[in-house]
Structure formats: structure tokens, C-alpha cells
Amino acid sequence: MRILPLVLLSLLAACGSKPAAPTPVGGADPAAKPKLAFVTNCVAEFWTIGKHGVEAAAKQFDCDVTVHMPPKNTVSEQQQILQDLIARGTKGIAVSPIDPSNMTGLLDDIAARATVVTHDSDAPASKRLAYIGMDNYEAGRLCGKLIVEAVPQGGPIVILVGNLDQDNARRRRQGIIDELLGRSMDPTRFDAQDAKLKGDKFEIRATFTDQTDHPKCKATAQDALTRWNDLACMVGLFEYEPPLILEAVQSAGRLGKVAMVAFDENEQTLQGILDGHIHGTVVQNPYEYGFQSVALLNKLVREPDATKRAALLPKDGFLNIPARQIRKDNVRAFWDDLKQKTGKK
């Protein structure tokens, strides 16, 4: 799908208004309270944690920040959110692009009118100034190591992921595949969804996408369990998927027979690790994604000098917030820290 360039001018003309001049990027009054936005790729508990980080940074740095979550995880929703933010005079935007390869033109148009950074999932071909998040390929390899721990004897596995359009999803999946098949490090590699992937010990039997549709995700997991009675492990790459996989495995009476490995810190996932049903999860740090996105945008928007603005950017445009492996031995400490940050008891 080809995303059309920004259509603000035509929208304004249709409303009978005179087209507004492009908003200058940077150079705002340093004393003014910057108007910023944090845009996610869907609605999820993961992003609720991120919102807490946004709110903490907004308070610390005296910013006016809004958080936007596309309810249906569609490009059109995210495009409309971005266009509306520009129309309202937002000076800085942190966005997790749903389909970065097809959103480059849109993101470039937005970047001509506001300071833009990406978080969680990158759009490296766009004119965004920086990416804030983890290296998703390395995180995928960490997940692969957890799978090896969970089923050292090997066997067939299936992977569930929301979609393979997002940069983070593609890289996570590829990291898992390369780790399980004993391949060299190559973040640019991509195995097609229907590729035959079998090594000495592991077979990636299928990768299923569910477009963040929760009932579809659970039904897909149930179908896989019915179709194959020899599955060694099931893996969910998006925050909402591991709990649904756990429900499917429990319903099928396969606890203890099918291992499970996860991504992200959904509370049901963490409880599943404590209960011994899920071997482990690779966690990001959505709280820091929110906090650091606002912190960086705040500095960039308040700095009027272009040379000084450039010096504020992280090296190579990548602010690395490393992934971590969570297992039964460290899940309680991790969960307690997460509750403290989000105000939960």
C-alpha cells in the first residue's frame, strides 16, 4: 500500500480556510511550554506503562504532552492522528510507525513541520531525527536463547506476531530464527513468512499474524495446538499475545507439554512466569520509551540553534534502551519495580 503525502493543505482549503505556512522545525522560544505528542501503534497495557513515563517527563520538564493510541492499529488512523497534531500546532512528535516502509513520505512531510523521533519501531529511511528503543534484532536473539533454555532438546515451534509490516516485528522474528538455526548476526536478513526453516534441532513451523485482533490471536493459537500435537514451544512477539497463548495451551490441556516464551511485560505473562507455565520473556522498557522521547523532544524543540540541536541527538541517531530477559528467578523484582513506576501496589 502506498501512503499518500500529507494532505493538510487540501483539507484546509476544503474547510474554506487559508493554507497555513509550514510550522518551523525547532527554534521555538526556549521559555515557552512546548507542545509535544507521543503516538503509539495500538492500544495495549504496554503503552499504558509508556504513558506513565510520558507523564513523568512532562511534569519534570514542564511540557504539554498528549498521548495517542490508534484503537484499530491501522495506518489510516495513525496518519490522521499525525495530521491532526500538525494542524493543532504540535512542535514535537514521537511516533511508533505501523508500516514504516510505506509511511516514509508521510513521516517526511510531518518532519518538515515538526521535530520527529521514532520509538519502539523505527522508520530509518525517513527524516526522523532519532530512534528511541531497543535493538529488536538483538532482542529477538535473546528470545531465541530463552527458547533454547525452555526446550533444550529442540523441536517444532510456532511464532505469533501482530504483523510483519512493522520494523520491530520483522527484526524480532528474524533474530529468533537466526539464533535457533545457528546463523551469523545479520539484522538485514529476512526470511519470508512461508519459508521452510529447519535446522539441526529446531524447526520454525509457522509464523502467524493476527493484526492485533485478540480473538483471532487466541483462535490461531488454538488451531495450531489442534493441528500439531508435537509442538515444542509457542512464542508471542507482541505484548497481548503471550497471555492468549497461555489461555489456549491451558484450554487444550497441554500445560507442561508445550513450552511458552514471550515478549513484553503483560501482568498475565509475568504471573505465568511466576506460576512456572511461561519460561521467560524479553522485556523492553516502555516507561523509558515515554520518558526519554519527551526528554529528547523537549531539548530539541527548546533549542533555537541548529548546530546545538544536532549536538543533542544520540550517537548514530539511536538512543539504545536495552532489552532484558526475565525468568522465574528475577520476575518478582522486575514486577515490583514496574509497579512502583506505574503507581500500582
Protein backbone atom coordinates (compact mmCIF):
# COMPACT_ATOMS: atom_id res chain seq x y z
CA MET A 1 0.00 0.00 0.00
CA ARG A 2 1.33 3.42 -0.89
CA ILE A 3 0.62 6.12 1.69
CA LEU A 4 -0.25 9.48 0.18
CA PRO A 5 1.79 12.54 1.19
CA LEU A 6 0.44 14.88 3.81
CA VAL A 7 -2.84 16.44 2.74
CA LEU A 8 -3.18 19.27 5.20
CA LEU A 9 -3.30 21.97 2.56
CA SER A 10 -6.15 20.37 0.67
CA LEU A 11 -8.04 19.65 3.90
CA LEU A 12 -7.75 23.26 5.00
CA ALA A 13 -8.82 24.51 1.59
CA ALA A 14 -11.86 22.23 1.70
CA CYS A 15 -12.85 23.81 5.00
CA GLY A 16 -12.70 27.28 3.49
CA SER A 17 -9.56 28.30 5.41
CA LYS A 18 -6.39 29.77 4.03
CA PRO A 19 -3.49 27.31 3.99
CA ALA A 20 -1.20 27.77 6.97
CA ALA A 21 2.51 28.19 6.47
CA PRO A 22 4.60 25.17 7.50
CA THR A 23 5.50 25.19 11.17
CA PRO A 24 9.23 25.84 11.61
CA VAL A 25 11.17 22.87 12.94
CA GLY A 26 12.97 23.90 16.13
CA GLY A 27 13.80 27.45 17.06
CA ALA A 28 10.86 27.85 19.44
CA ASP A 29 11.04 30.26 22.34
CA PRO A 30 13.13 28.35 24.93
CA ALA A 31 10.96 29.76 27.71
CA ALA A 32 7.70 28.67 26.11
CA LYS A 33 5.98 25.45 27.23
CA PRO A 34 6.49 23.09 24.26
CA LYS A 35 3.53 21.27 22.76
CA LEU A 36 4.53 17.64 22.22
CA ALA A 37 2.86 14.32 21.37
CA PHE A 38 3.56 10.63 21.92
CA VAL A 39 1.91 8.38 19.31
CA THR A 40 1.79 4.58 19.72
CA ASN A 41 0.95 1.88 17.18
CA CYS A 42 -2.04 0.39 19.04
CA VAL A 43 -3.86 0.22 22.37
CA ALA A 44 -2.13 -2.09 24.87
CA GLU A 45 -1.09 -2.36 28.51
CA PHE A 46 2.47 -1.93 27.20
CA TRP A 47 1.57 1.59 26.13
CA THR A 48 -0.21 2.34 29.38
CA ILE A 49 3.18 1.82 31.02
CA GLY A 50 4.71 4.10 28.38
CA LYS A 51 2.13 6.76 29.20
CA HIS A 52 3.34 6.83 32.80
CA GLY A 53 6.83 7.63 31.52
CA VAL A 54 5.44 10.38 29.30
CA GLU A 55 3.56 11.93 32.21
CA ALA A 56 6.60 11.82 34.49
CA ALA A 57 8.75 13.55 31.86
CA ALA A 58 6.07 16.13 31.07
CA LYS A 59 5.97 17.08 34.76
CA GLN A 60 9.75 17.15 35.15
CA PHE A 61 10.43 19.20 32.01
CA ASP A 62 7.27 21.36 32.09
CA CYS A 63 5.90 20.22 28.74
CA ASP A 64 2.39 19.98 27.34
CA VAL A 65 2.26 16.37 26.06
CA THR A 66 -0.65 14.36 24.66
CA VAL A 67 -0.69 10.57 24.17
CA HIS A 68 -2.46 8.98 21.19
CA MET A 69 -3.16 5.25 20.68
CA PRO A 70 -4.74 4.10 17.37
CA PRO A 71 -7.54 1.77 18.55
CA LYS A 72 -7.55 -0.43 15.45
CA ASN A 73 -3.80 -0.46 14.73
CA THR A 74 -4.30 0.90 11.20
CA VAL A 75 -2.07 3.14 9.13
CA SER A 76 -5.00 5.38 8.26
CA GLU A 77 -5.75 6.02 11.96
CA GLN A 78 -2.12 6.85 12.67
CA GLN A 79 -1.92 9.09 9.61
CA GLN A 80 -4.98 11.04 10.74
CA ILE A 81 -3.55 11.43 14.25
CA LEU A 82 -0.30 12.83 12.87
CA GLN A 83 -2.07 15.23 10.53
CA ASP A 84 -4.35 16.45 13.33
CA LEU A 85 -1.36 17.06 15.58
CA ILE A 86 0.30 19.23 12.95
CA ALA A 87 -2.94 21.15 12.39
CA ARG A 88 -3.04 21.88 16.13
CA GLY A 89 0.48 23.28 16.10
CA THR A 90 2.31 20.43 17.83
CA LYS A 91 6.05 21.15 17.80
CA GLY A 92 7.47 17.71 18.59
CA ILE A 93 6.16 14.20 17.87
CA ALA A 94 7.43 10.77 18.95
CA VAL A 95 5.79 8.02 16.90
CA SER A 96 5.95 4.23 16.60
CA PRO A 97 5.18 3.77 12.87
CA ILE A 98 2.78 0.96 11.99
CA ASP A 99 4.11 0.48 8.45
CA PRO A 100 7.40 2.38 8.20
CA SER A 101 8.34 1.34 4.68
CA ASN A 102 5.11 2.76 3.29
CA MET A 103 4.94 5.74 5.65
CA THR A 104 8.24 7.36 4.68
CA GLY A 105 6.64 10.10 2.59
CA LEU A 106 4.12 10.91 5.31
CA LEU A 107 6.77 10.99 8.03
CA ASP A 108 8.98 13.23 5.90
CA ASP A 109 6.11 15.66 5.43
CA ILE A 110 5.46 15.68 9.18
CA ALA A 111 9.19 16.17 9.85
CA ALA A 112 9.15 19.28 7.65
CA ARG A 113 6.65 20.85 10.06
CA ALA A 114 7.67 19.48 13.46
CA THR A 115 10.52 17.74 15.23
CA VAL A 116 10.01 13.98 14.76
CA VAL A 117 11.58 10.99 16.50
CA THR A 118 10.54 7.35 16.41
CA HIS A 119 10.25 4.96 19.35
CA ASP A 120 9.66 1.22 19.75
CA SER A 121 9.65 0.65 15.96
CA ASP A 122 11.90 2.67 13.67
CA ALA A 123 11.49 4.21 10.22
CA PRO A 124 15.18 4.51 9.28
CA ALA A 125 14.54 5.67 5.71
CA SER A 126 12.53 8.68 6.88
CA LYS A 127 13.72 12.09 8.05
CA ARG A 128 13.07 11.37 11.70
CA LEU A 129 15.92 12.68 13.84
CA ALA A 130 16.41 9.71 16.17
CA TYR A 131 15.10 6.30 17.17
CA ILE A 132 14.45 5.58 20.86
CA GLY A 133 14.17 1.94 21.83
CA MET A 134 15.96 -1.38 21.81
CA ASP A 135 17.72 -3.22 19.01
CA ASN A 136 14.87 -5.52 18.03
CA TYR A 137 17.09 -7.96 16.17
CA GLU A 138 19.29 -8.45 19.25
CA ALA A 139 16.15 -8.76 21.36
CA GLY A 140 14.95 -11.50 19.02
CA ARG A 141 18.19 -13.38 19.56
CA LEU A 142 17.71 -13.02 23.33
CA CYS A 143 14.26 -14.54 22.87
CA GLY A 144 15.82 -17.36 20.86
CA LYS A 145 18.16 -18.11 23.78
CA LEU A 146 15.13 -18.35 26.09
CA ILE A 147 13.56 -20.86 23.69
CA VAL A 148 16.73 -22.97 23.78
CA GLU A 149 16.59 -22.91 27.59
CA ALA A 150 12.91 -23.88 27.60
CA VAL A 151 13.28 -26.78 25.14
CA PRO A 152 16.97 -27.76 25.02
CA GLN A 153 16.07 -30.87 23.07
CA GLY A 154 14.71 -28.71 20.27
CA GLY A 155 11.63 -29.39 18.20
CA PRO A 156 8.99 -27.52 16.18
CA ILE A 157 7.90 -24.05 17.27
CA VAL A 158 5.32 -21.55 16.08
CA ILE A 159 5.57 -17.77 16.29
CA LEU A 160 2.62 -15.41 16.70
CA VAL A 161 3.05 -11.72 15.86
CA GLY A 162 0.65 -8.86 15.20
CA ASN A 163 2.01 -8.14 11.73
CA LEU A 164 5.24 -8.22 9.77
CA ASP A 165 4.97 -4.69 8.37
CA GLN A 166 6.43 -3.09 11.48
CA ASP A 167 10.20 -2.85 11.62
CA ASN A 168 10.31 -4.15 15.20
CA ALA A 169 8.22 -7.24 14.41
CA ARG A 170 10.34 -8.25 11.43
CA ARG A 171 13.59 -7.86 13.34
CA ARG A 172 12.40 -9.72 16.44
CA ARG A 173 11.23 -12.67 14.38
CA GLN A 174 14.43 -12.74 12.36
CA GLY A 175 16.57 -12.66 15.49
CA ILE A 176 14.72 -15.70 16.84
CA ILE A 177 15.11 -17.60 13.58
CA ASP A 178 18.80 -16.82 13.24
CA GLU A 179 19.51 -17.78 16.85
CA LEU A 180 17.67 -21.11 16.62
CA LEU A 181 19.22 -22.03 13.29
CA GLY A 182 22.73 -21.10 14.45
CA ARG A 183 23.22 -18.36 11.88
CA SER A 184 25.61 -15.42 11.97
CA MET A 185 24.46 -11.96 13.06
CA ASP A 186 22.73 -10.18 10.17
CA PRO A 187 19.97 -7.66 11.04
CA THR A 188 19.30 -7.12 7.32
CA ARG A 189 18.29 -10.73 6.70
CA PHE A 190 14.61 -11.53 6.27
CA ASP A 191 13.04 -14.96 5.79
CA ALA A 192 9.65 -14.92 4.09
CA GLN A 193 6.69 -15.87 6.22
CA ASP A 194 6.17 -19.09 4.24
CA ALA A 195 9.86 -20.05 4.07
CA LYS A 196 10.91 -23.57 5.12
CA LEU A 197 13.00 -23.02 8.23
CA LYS A 198 14.56 -26.09 9.79
CA GLY A 199 17.92 -26.58 11.48
CA ASP A 200 19.64 -29.41 13.31
CA LYS A 201 17.42 -29.11 16.38
CA PHE A 202 14.69 -26.55 15.74
CA GLU A 203 12.02 -26.10 13.11
CA ILE A 204 10.12 -22.83 12.78
CA ARG A 205 6.99 -24.50 11.55
CA ALA A 206 4.89 -21.37 11.06
CA THR A 207 4.65 -17.65 11.70
CA PHE A 208 1.10 -16.46 12.20
CA THR A 209 -0.04 -12.82 12.07
CA ASP A 210 -3.22 -11.59 13.77
CA GLN A 211 -3.29 -7.83 13.01
CA THR A 212 -3.58 -7.19 16.80
CA ASP A 213 -7.00 -8.85 16.76
CA HIS A 214 -7.11 -10.57 20.16
CA PRO A 215 -9.83 -13.17 19.40
CA LYS A 216 -8.01 -14.04 16.16
CA CYS A 217 -4.76 -14.45 18.07
CA LYS A 218 -6.30 -16.89 20.54
CA ALA A 219 -8.11 -18.80 17.79
CA THR A 220 -4.87 -19.08 15.83
CA ALA A 221 -3.06 -20.48 18.86
CA GLN A 222 -5.87 -22.98 19.44
CA ASP A 223 -5.80 -24.04 15.79
CA ALA A 224 -2.03 -24.59 15.92
CA LEU A 225 -2.38 -26.78 19.01
CA THR A 226 -5.11 -28.81 17.34
CA ARG A 227 -3.20 -29.12 14.06
CA TRP A 228 0.12 -30.20 15.56
CA ASN A 229 0.42 -32.45 18.60
CA ASP A 230 4.20 -32.33 18.52
CA LEU A 231 4.73 -28.61 19.13
CA ALA A 232 7.64 -27.98 21.48
CA CYS A 233 7.17 -24.26 22.01
CA MET A 234 4.90 -21.34 21.19
CA VAL A 235 6.17 -17.76 21.10
CA GLY A 236 4.25 -14.46 21.18
CA LEU A 237 6.10 -11.36 19.98
CA PHE A 238 3.58 -8.64 20.91
CA GLU A 239 2.52 -7.81 24.47
CA TYR A 240 -1.06 -9.11 24.27
CA GLU A 241 -0.17 -12.45 22.62
CA PRO A 242 1.57 -14.49 25.36
CA PRO A 243 -1.44 -14.38 27.75
CA LEU A 244 -3.73 -15.53 24.93
CA ILE A 245 -1.31 -18.33 24.03
CA LEU A 246 -1.29 -19.36 27.70
CA GLU A 247 -5.09 -19.48 27.72
CA ALA A 248 -5.07 -21.65 24.59
CA VAL A 249 -2.48 -24.05 26.00
CA GLN A 250 -4.40 -24.33 29.28
CA SER A 251 -7.68 -24.98 27.45
CA ALA A 252 -6.02 -27.68 25.37
CA GLY A 253 -4.67 -29.41 28.47
CA ARG A 254 -1.09 -29.01 27.25
CA LEU A 255 0.49 -27.19 30.20
CA GLY A 256 3.89 -28.72 30.84
CA LYS A 257 3.91 -30.25 27.37
CA VAL A 258 4.17 -27.11 25.22
CA ALA A 259 6.71 -24.55 26.41
CA MET A 260 5.94 -20.85 26.08
CA VAL A 261 8.27 -17.89 25.62
CA ALA A 262 7.13 -14.28 25.48
CA PHE A 263 7.85 -10.66 24.71
CA ASP A 264 6.96 -7.73 26.96
CA GLU A 265 5.67 -7.35 30.48
CA ASN A 266 1.94 -8.02 30.44
CA GLU A 267 0.89 -8.82 34.02
CA GLN A 268 -0.60 -12.16 32.97
CA THR A 269 2.71 -13.02 31.32
CA LEU A 270 4.63 -12.16 34.49
CA GLN A 271 2.19 -14.21 36.57
CA GLY A 272 2.61 -17.08 34.10
CA ILE A 273 6.36 -16.97 34.70
CA LEU A 274 5.85 -16.99 38.48
CA ASP A 275 3.49 -19.95 38.12
CA GLY A 276 6.04 -21.84 36.05
CA HIS A 277 3.90 -22.02 32.91
CA ILE A 278 5.86 -19.50 30.80
CA HIS A 279 9.62 -19.99 30.73
CA GLY A 280 10.54 -16.35 30.29
CA THR A 281 10.01 -13.10 28.45
CA VAL A 282 12.13 -10.46 26.77
CA VAL A 283 11.11 -7.08 28.10
CA GLN A 284 11.55 -3.64 26.71
CA ASN A 285 11.16 -0.56 28.83
CA PRO A 286 8.05 1.30 27.64
CA TYR A 287 8.26 3.61 30.66
CA GLU A 288 11.66 4.81 29.44
CA TYR A 289 10.42 4.97 25.84
CA GLY A 290 7.86 7.50 27.00
CA PHE A 291 10.17 9.37 29.34
CA GLN A 292 13.17 9.58 27.00
CA SER A 293 11.03 10.52 23.98
CA VAL A 294 9.64 13.53 25.82
CA ALA A 295 13.04 14.43 27.31
CA LEU A 296 14.70 14.47 23.88
CA LEU A 297 11.86 16.29 22.11
CA ASN A 298 11.79 18.89 24.88
CA LYS A 299 15.51 19.66 24.43
CA LEU A 300 15.29 19.77 20.64
CA VAL A 301 12.20 21.97 20.46
CA ARG A 302 13.54 24.46 23.00
CA GLU A 303 16.92 24.85 21.24
CA PRO A 304 16.87 27.58 18.54
CA ASP A 305 20.40 26.96 17.25
CA ALA A 306 20.58 24.23 14.55
CA THR A 307 24.17 23.27 15.36
CA LYS A 308 23.38 22.87 19.05
CA ARG A 309 20.25 20.90 18.19
CA ALA A 310 22.33 18.44 16.18
CA ALA A 311 24.70 18.00 19.13
CA LEU A 312 21.75 16.99 21.33
CA LEU A 313 20.99 13.92 19.20
CA PRO A 314 22.20 10.47 20.34
CA LYS A 315 25.15 8.88 18.52
CA ASP A 316 24.11 7.46 15.13
CA GLY A 317 20.58 8.65 15.86
CA PHE A 318 19.94 5.69 18.18
CA LEU A 319 19.10 6.08 21.86
CA ASN A 320 19.51 2.49 22.99
CA ILE A 321 17.29 1.24 25.82
CA PRO A 322 18.48 -2.40 26.03
CA ALA A 323 16.16 -5.40 26.22
CA ARG A 324 16.31 -7.76 29.20
CA GLN A 325 15.49 -11.41 29.79
CA ILE A 326 13.04 -12.09 32.61
CA ARG A 327 12.80 -15.56 34.14
CA LYS A 328 11.37 -17.00 37.33
CA ASP A 329 14.47 -16.01 39.31
CA ASN A 330 14.16 -12.27 38.60
CA VAL A 331 10.50 -11.74 37.70
CA ARG A 332 9.38 -10.68 41.18
CA ALA A 333 12.00 -7.94 41.50
CA PHE A 334 11.23 -6.74 37.96
CA TRP A 335 7.49 -6.67 38.61
CA ASP A 336 7.85 -4.83 41.92
CA ASP A 337 9.94 -2.14 40.21
CA LEU A 338 7.36 -1.84 37.42
CA LYS A 339 4.54 -1.42 39.96
CA GLN A 340 6.46 1.32 41.72
CA LYS A 341 6.99 3.24 38.48
CA THR A 342 3.36 2.96 37.43
CA GLY A 343 1.86 3.63 40.87
CA LYS A 344 0.41 0.13 41.29
CA LYS A 345 0.56 -1.75 44.58
